[in-house]
Protein backbone atom coordinates (compact mmCIF):
# COMPACT_ATOMS: atom_id res chain seq x y z
CA MET A 1 0.02 -0.19 -0.04
CA THR A 2 1.36 3.41 -0.72
CA PRO A 3 1.98 5.94 1.84
CA GLU A 4 -0.99 8.12 0.86
CA LEU A 5 -3.12 5.17 0.91
CA THR A 6 -2.21 4.05 4.38
CA ALA A 7 -2.65 7.76 5.17
CA LEU A 8 -6.11 7.51 3.94
CA THR A 9 -6.98 4.27 5.41
CA LEU A 10 -5.89 5.76 9.05
CA ALA A 11 -7.87 8.89 8.82
CA ALA A 12 -11.01 7.14 7.83
CA LEU A 13 -10.43 5.31 11.12
CA LEU A 14 -9.95 8.49 12.73
CA GLN A 15 -13.22 9.25 11.45
CA CYS A 16 -14.78 6.28 13.19
CA VAL A 17 -13.01 7.30 16.16
CA GLN A 18 -14.17 10.85 16.31
CA PHE A 19 -17.74 9.38 15.44
CA VAL A 20 -17.68 7.25 18.80
CA ILE A 21 -16.18 9.94 20.88
CA PHE A 22 -19.32 12.33 19.98
CA ALA A 23 -21.79 9.89 19.97
CA ILE A 24 -21.12 8.64 23.66
CA PRO A 25 -21.53 11.80 25.20
CA ALA A 26 -24.35 12.62 22.52
CA ASN A 27 -26.37 9.84 23.19
CA LEU A 28 -26.23 10.61 27.26
CA GLU A 29 -26.89 13.95 27.05
CA LEU A 30 -29.84 14.00 24.57
CA GLY A 31 -31.23 10.68 25.62
CA PRO A 32 -32.24 7.19 23.60
CA GLY A 33 -35.63 8.85 22.82
CA TYR A 34 -34.19 11.59 20.49
CA THR A 35 -31.08 9.55 19.26
CA THR A 36 -33.26 6.16 18.32
CA SER A 37 -35.78 8.66 16.75
CA ALA A 38 -36.21 9.87 12.96
CA ARG A 39 -34.74 13.33 14.37
CA ASP A 40 -38.08 14.78 12.41
CA ARG A 41 -37.78 17.62 15.70
CA ALA A 42 -35.40 19.51 17.12
CA PRO A 43 -34.25 17.90 20.64
CA SER A 44 -35.83 18.66 23.40
CA ARG A 45 -32.12 19.65 25.35
CA GLU A 46 -29.13 20.96 23.45
CA MET A 47 -25.59 19.23 23.69
CA SER A 48 -23.59 20.42 26.03
CA GLU A 49 -20.53 23.26 24.46
CA LYS A 50 -18.14 20.26 24.24
CA THR A 51 -20.11 17.56 22.64
CA GLY A 52 -21.25 20.14 20.26
CA ARG A 53 -17.02 20.81 19.52
CA LEU A 54 -16.57 17.06 19.01
CA GLN A 55 -20.02 16.95 16.57
CA ARG A 56 -18.63 19.70 14.36
CA ALA A 57 -15.01 18.64 14.64
CA MET A 58 -16.37 15.32 12.91
CA ASN A 59 -18.30 17.18 10.40
CA ASN A 60 -15.20 18.84 9.48
CA HIS A 61 -13.48 15.84 9.29
CA PHE A 62 -16.13 14.53 6.77
CA GLU A 63 -15.81 17.52 4.72
CA GLY A 64 -12.18 17.62 4.53
CA LEU A 65 -11.94 13.87 4.36
CA ILE A 66 -13.74 14.19 0.49
CA LEU A 67 -11.11 16.20 -0.83
CA PHE A 68 -8.16 14.59 0.90
CA THR A 69 -9.94 11.21 -0.69
CA ILE A 70 -9.72 12.59 -4.22
CA ALA A 71 -6.44 14.02 -3.78
CA VAL A 72 -5.06 10.46 -2.82
CA LEU A 73 -7.06 8.82 -5.14
CA VAL A 74 -5.64 11.36 -8.01
CA ILE A 75 -2.02 10.69 -7.04
CA THR A 76 -2.79 6.91 -6.64
CA PHE A 77 -4.37 6.30 -10.16
CA SER A 78 -1.98 8.81 -11.91
CA ASP A 79 1.24 7.06 -10.24
CA LYS A 80 2.31 10.43 -9.36
CA GLY A 81 3.36 9.52 -5.80
CA ASN A 82 6.49 10.58 -4.44
CA ALA A 83 8.38 11.98 -1.10
CA ILE A 84 6.29 14.97 -1.33
CA THR A 85 3.08 13.86 -1.70
CA ALA A 86 3.54 11.00 0.99
CA ALA A 87 4.77 14.14 3.41
CA CYS A 88 1.81 15.81 2.71
CA ALA A 89 -0.48 12.79 3.25
CA LEU A 90 1.22 12.12 6.53
CA ILE A 91 0.91 16.46 7.44
CA TYR A 92 -2.93 15.94 6.67
CA LEU A 93 -3.21 13.07 8.98
CA VAL A 94 -1.08 14.53 12.04
CA ALA A 95 -3.00 17.83 11.41
CA ARG A 96 -6.62 15.94 11.84
CA VAL A 97 -5.55 13.99 14.96
CA LEU A 98 -4.51 17.52 16.14
CA TYR A 99 -7.73 19.14 14.89
CA VAL A 100 -9.84 17.22 17.39
CA PRO A 101 -8.26 18.45 20.66
CA ALA A 102 -8.29 21.84 19.00
CA TYR A 103 -11.56 21.87 18.32
CA TYR A 104 -12.85 20.48 21.90
CA PHE A 105 -10.47 22.90 23.84
CA GLY A 106 -11.38 25.98 21.73
CA TRP A 107 -7.85 26.33 20.92
CA ARG A 108 -7.85 30.10 19.11
CA PRO A 109 -5.85 30.61 16.75
CA GLY A 110 -4.35 27.01 16.65
CA ARG A 111 -7.43 25.19 15.65
CA SER A 112 -7.51 27.50 12.24
CA LEU A 113 -3.64 26.98 12.04
CA ILE A 114 -3.92 23.30 12.00
CA TRP A 115 -6.94 23.41 9.67
CA MET A 116 -4.93 25.76 7.40
CA THR A 117 -2.15 23.08 7.54
CA GLY A 118 -4.09 19.92 6.61
CA PHE A 119 -6.00 21.79 3.95
CA GLY A 120 -2.86 22.83 2.45
CA ALA A 121 -1.24 19.76 2.45
CA THR A 122 -4.68 18.34 0.63
CA VAL A 123 -3.96 21.11 -1.94
CA ILE A 124 -0.58 20.56 -2.35
CA MET A 125 -1.17 16.73 -3.30
CA LEU A 126 -3.59 17.83 -5.82
CA ILE A 127 -0.95 20.37 -7.62
CA MET A 128 1.85 17.45 -7.65
CA ALA A 129 -0.97 15.36 -9.43
CA LEU A 130 -0.98 17.87 -12.11
CA LEU A 131 2.81 18.05 -12.31
């Protein structure tokens, strides 16, 4: 497996971990009546600030993972992988791991800098695929 595909696999597993660390407190806070429903209505109570942050960090990773997946697939299928794209894939993964506590604890401006690092690494991978 290429380093880029390995990073993608680990990023997908990170998404699974993020789901679990969000779902547990969300279920405890909102109750099974809401979380097992069709969610056609708003919950009767709101999640705590920290649980809301876990949800937003998880959703943000879903968004970033789409673009990162495209970058990895383009690099892989075009056989353009090299040390730079491998490093960018690792940078993306590390940034996404760091983003979770950064969002949870409200690190500012660190959270945004971490996000920009991961996004920048993804953009570099896309550009490298075209070169």
